[in-house]
C-alpha atoms as a PDB file:
ATOM      1  CA  MET A   1      -1.704 107.731  47.630  1.00  0.00           C
ATOM      2  CA  VAL A   2      -0.146 107.746  44.175  1.00  0.00           C
ATOM      3  CA  GLN A   3       1.799 104.737  44.720  1.00  0.00           C
ATOM      4  CA  ILE A   4      -1.161 102.702  45.558  1.00  0.00           C
ATOM      5  CA  SER A   5      -2.986 103.784  42.254  1.00  0.00           C
ATOM      6  CA  VAL A   6       0.340 102.972  40.399  1.00  0.00           C
ATOM      7  CA  SER A   7       0.605  99.426  42.161  1.00  0.00           C
ATOM      8  CA  ALA A   8      -3.071  98.864  41.401  1.00  0.00           C
ATOM      9  CA  GLN A   9      -2.517  99.686  37.743  1.00  0.00           C
ATOM     10  CA  GLU A  10       0.373  97.349  37.588  1.00  0.00           C
ATOM     11  CA  ASP A  11      -1.868  94.494  39.200  1.00  0.00           C
ATOM     12  CA  GLN A  12      -4.269  95.228  36.688  1.00  0.00           C
ATOM     13  CA  LYS A  13      -1.666  95.098  33.603  1.00  0.00           C
ATOM     14  CA  ALA A  14      -0.232  92.017  35.040  1.00  0.00           C
ATOM     15  CA  LEU A  15      -3.965  90.285  35.373  1.00  0.00           C
ATOM     16  CA  TYR A  16      -4.917  91.586  31.655  1.00  0.00           C
ATOM     17  CA  GLN A  17      -1.376  90.053  30.445  1.00  0.00           C
ATOM     18  CA  LYS A  18      -2.236  86.640  32.132  1.00  0.00           C
ATOM     19  CA  LYS A  19      -5.425  86.627  30.874  1.00  0.00           C
ATOM     20  CA  ILE A  20      -4.303  87.444  27.233  1.00  0.00           C
ATOM     21  CA  SER A  21      -1.662  84.437  27.498  1.00  0.00           C
ATOM     22  CA  THR A  22      -4.510  82.114  28.538  1.00  0.00           C
ATOM     23  CA  CYS A  23      -6.563  83.263  25.794  1.00  0.00           C
ATOM     24  CA  LYS A  24      -3.886  83.016  23.363  1.00  0.00           C
ATOM     25  CA  LYS A  25      -3.085  79.266  24.381  1.00  0.00           C
ATOM     26  CA  ASN A  26      -6.921  78.572  23.915  1.00  0.00           C
ATOM     27  CA  ARG A  27      -6.874  80.276  20.448  1.00  0.00           C
ATOM     28  CA  ASP A  28      -3.867  78.025  19.550  1.00  0.00           C
ATOM     29  CA  LEU A  29      -5.400  74.872  20.855  1.00  0.00           C
ATOM     30  CA  GLY A  30      -8.485  75.487  18.805  1.00  0.00           C
ATOM     31  CA  ILE A  31      -6.363  76.021  15.602  1.00  0.00           C
ATOM     32  CA  GLY A  32      -4.729  72.770  16.226  1.00  0.00           C
ATOM     33  CA  LEU A  33      -7.907  70.918  16.861  1.00  0.00           C
ATOM     34  CA  THR A  34      -9.242  72.437  13.823  1.00  0.00           C
ATOM     35  CA  ILE A  35      -6.552  71.353  11.506  1.00  0.00           C
ATOM     36  CA  GLY A  36      -6.258  67.955  13.203  1.00  0.00           C
ATOM     37  CA  GLY A  37     -10.091  67.427  12.576  1.00  0.00           C
ATOM     38  CA  ILE A  38      -9.781  68.444   9.074  1.00  0.00           C
ATOM     39  CA  MET A  39      -7.074  66.025   8.486  1.00  0.00           C
ATOM     40  CA  MET A  40      -8.921  63.156  10.379  1.00  0.00           C
ATOM     41  CA  THR A  41     -12.196  64.037   8.181  1.00  0.00           C
ATOM     42  CA  ALA A  42     -10.247  63.747   5.162  1.00  0.00           C
ATOM     43  CA  ILE A  43      -8.297  60.631   5.821  1.00  0.00           C
ATOM     44  CA  GLY A  44     -11.718  59.087   7.076  1.00  0.00           C
ATOM     45  CA  ALA A  45     -13.576  59.989   3.935  1.00  0.00           C
ATOM     46  CA  ARG A  46     -10.704  58.677   1.751  1.00  0.00           C
ATOM     47  CA  ILE A  47     -10.647  55.141   3.583  1.00  0.00           C
ATOM     48  CA  ILE A  48     -14.592  55.001   3.380  1.00  0.00           C
ATOM     49  CA  THR A  49     -14.176  55.564  -0.447  1.00  0.00           C
ATOM     50  CA  THR A  50     -11.532  53.026  -0.838  1.00  0.00           C
ATOM     51  CA  ALA A  51     -13.177  50.449   1.380  1.00  0.00           C
ATOM     52  CA  TYR A  52     -16.139  49.790  -1.156  1.00  0.00           C
ATOM     53  CA  PRO A  53     -15.709  48.815  -4.874  1.00  0.00           C
ATOM     54  CA  PRO A  54     -16.523  51.345  -7.364  1.00  0.00           C
ATOM     55  CA  TYR A  55     -20.334  51.162  -8.514  1.00  0.00           C
ATOM     56  CA  TYR A  56     -19.137  50.746 -12.117  1.00  0.00           C
ATOM     57  CA  SER A  57     -16.884  47.655 -11.461  1.00  0.00           C
ATOM     58  CA  THR A  58     -18.320  44.683 -13.270  1.00  0.00           C
ATOM     59  CA  SER A  59     -15.818  42.260 -11.280  1.00  0.00           C
ATOM     60  CA  PHE A  60     -17.603  40.546  -8.324  1.00  0.00           C
ATOM     61  CA  SER A  61     -14.448  39.507  -6.926  1.00  0.00           C
ATOM     62  CA  GLN A  62     -13.778  42.738  -5.279  1.00  0.00           C
ATOM     63  CA  LYS A  63     -15.130  42.455  -1.662  1.00  0.00           C
ATOM     64  CA  ILE A  64     -16.149  45.223   0.901  1.00  0.00           C
ATOM     65  CA  ASN A  65     -13.987  45.494   3.643  1.00  0.00           C
ATOM     66  CA  ASP A  66     -16.236  46.212   6.409  1.00  0.00           C
ATOM     67  CA  SER A  67     -13.493  46.697   9.114  1.00  0.00           C
ATOM     68  CA  GLU A  68     -11.917  49.303   7.019  1.00  0.00           C
ATOM     69  CA  ALA A  69     -15.210  51.027   6.170  1.00  0.00           C
ATOM     70  CA  LEU A  70     -15.858  51.184   9.971  1.00  0.00           C
ATOM     71  CA  LEU A  71     -12.497  52.846  10.662  1.00  0.00           C
ATOM     72  CA  GLY A  72     -13.162  55.429   7.978  1.00  0.00           C
ATOM     73  CA  VAL A  73     -16.471  56.093   9.580  1.00  0.00           C
ATOM     74  CA  ILE A  74     -15.120  56.545  12.995  1.00  0.00           C
ATOM     75  CA  LEU A  75     -12.112  58.869  11.601  1.00  0.00           C
ATOM     76  CA  PHE A  76     -14.699  60.853   9.930  1.00  0.00           C
ATOM     77  CA  ASP A  77     -17.285  61.391  12.618  1.00  0.00           C
ATOM     78  CA  VAL A  78     -14.370  62.288  15.257  1.00  0.00           C
ATOM     79  CA  GLY A  79     -12.848  64.681  12.932  1.00  0.00           C
ATOM     80  CA  ILE A  80     -16.066  66.308  12.247  1.00  0.00           C
ATOM     81  CA  VAL A  81     -16.587  66.570  16.128  1.00  0.00           C
ATOM     82  CA  THR A  82     -13.026  67.818  16.716  1.00  0.00           C
ATOM     83  CA  THR A  83     -13.196  70.231  13.794  1.00  0.00           C
ATOM     84  CA  ILE A  84     -16.226  71.788  15.230  1.00  0.00           C
ATOM     85  CA  GLY A  85     -14.914  71.831  18.775  1.00  0.00           C
ATOM     86  CA  GLY A  86     -11.807  73.449  17.425  1.00  0.00           C
ATOM     87  CA  LEU A  87     -13.439  76.218  15.803  1.00  0.00           C
ATOM     88  CA  VAL A  88     -15.473  76.975  18.625  1.00  0.00           C
ATOM     89  CA  ILE A  89     -12.426  77.377  21.099  1.00  0.00           C
ATOM     90  CA  TRP A  90     -10.484  79.184  18.398  1.00  0.00           C
ATOM     91  CA  SER A  91     -13.228  81.854  18.093  1.00  0.00           C
ATOM     92  CA  ILE A  92     -13.553  82.108  21.774  1.00  0.00           C
ATOM     93  CA  GLY A  93     -10.093  82.442  22.633  1.00  0.00           C
ATOM     94  CA  SER A  94      -9.422  84.733  19.846  1.00  0.00           C
ATOM     95  CA  ASN A  95     -12.322  86.955  20.638  1.00  0.00           C
ATOM     96  CA  ASN A  96     -11.360  87.162  24.651  1.00  0.00           C
ATOM     97  CA  LYS A  97      -7.786  87.748  23.535  1.00  0.00           C
ATOM     98  CA  ASN A  98      -8.595  90.835  21.571  1.00  0.00           C
ATOM     99  CA  TYR A  99     -11.150  92.064  24.266  1.00  0.00           C
ATOM    100  CA  TYR A 100      -8.252  91.843  26.808  1.00  0.00           C
ATOM    101  CA  ILE A 101      -5.741  93.598  24.606  1.00  0.00           C
ATOM    102  CA  ARG A 102      -8.293  96.358  24.088  1.00  0.00           C
ATOM    103  CA  LYS A 103      -8.635  96.694  27.990  1.00  0.00           C
ATOM    104  CA  LEU A 104      -5.219  96.589  28.504  1.00  0.00           C
ATOM    105  CA  ASP A 105      -4.272  99.440  25.847  1.00  0.00           C
ATOM    106  CA  ALA A 106      -7.151 101.408  27.228  1.00  0.00           C
ATOM    107  CA  LEU A 107      -5.593 101.834  30.862  1.00  0.00           C
ATOM    108  CA  THR A 108      -2.733 104.291  30.989  1.00  0.00           C
ATOM    109  CA  LEU A 109      -1.102 106.410  33.543  1.00  0.00           C
ATOM    110  CA  ASN A 110       0.563 109.843  32.672  1.00  0.00           C
ATOM    111  CA  LEU A 111       3.446 110.722  34.845  1.00  0.00           C
ATOM    112  CA  ASN A 112       4.453 113.693  32.833  1.00  0.00           C
ATOM    113  CA  PRO A 113       1.232 115.537  32.534  1.00  0.00           C
ATOM    114  CA  GLY A 114       0.736 119.219  31.634  1.00  0.00           C
ATOM    115  CA  THR A 115       1.819 122.128  33.704  1.00  0.00           C
ATOM    116  CA  HIS A 116      -1.272 122.368  35.982  1.00  0.00           C
ATOM    117  CA  GLN A 117      -1.521 118.571  36.535  1.00  0.00           C
ATOM    118  CA  LYS A 118       0.392 116.484  38.997  1.00  0.00           C
ATOM    119  CA  ILE A 119      -0.494 113.245  37.634  1.00  0.00           C
ATOM    120  CA  SER A 120      -3.331 112.062  35.215  1.00  0.00           C
ATOM    121  CA  LEU A 121      -5.039 108.521  34.837  1.00  0.00           C
ATOM    122  CA  VAL A 122      -6.666 108.017  31.581  1.00  0.00           C
ATOM    123  CA  TYR A 123      -9.202 105.136  30.900  1.00  0.00           C
ATOM    124  CA  ARG A 124     -10.680 105.000  27.005  1.00  0.00           C
ATOM    125  CA  PHE A 125     -13.745 103.146  26.462  1.00  0.00           C
END
């Protein structure tokens, strides 16, 4: 009977550790998407601003590069969407990782209990 509960606890620990690993991967993916999205947004904004001549320019020889401006708008939009998605995945992964770490730390089995106990199982809430 004691081996069943010890085995069940080890299975629970393995399950929590697997979930922690999955949540860490999600968090890391969210961090990568957020950083990539911020960089794409900045590059897109830079391309948009360089595609149009400055408003104070008196030279009419400068032309607007529409294809470059379109590329900048696309990069800017994709960057914003990627940043928002990355922030959401980062937040969810981090919160779930911390949740399972707390659950893993809360489950302990004491095989060296006091004088009147044979075995003790502690679950902290």
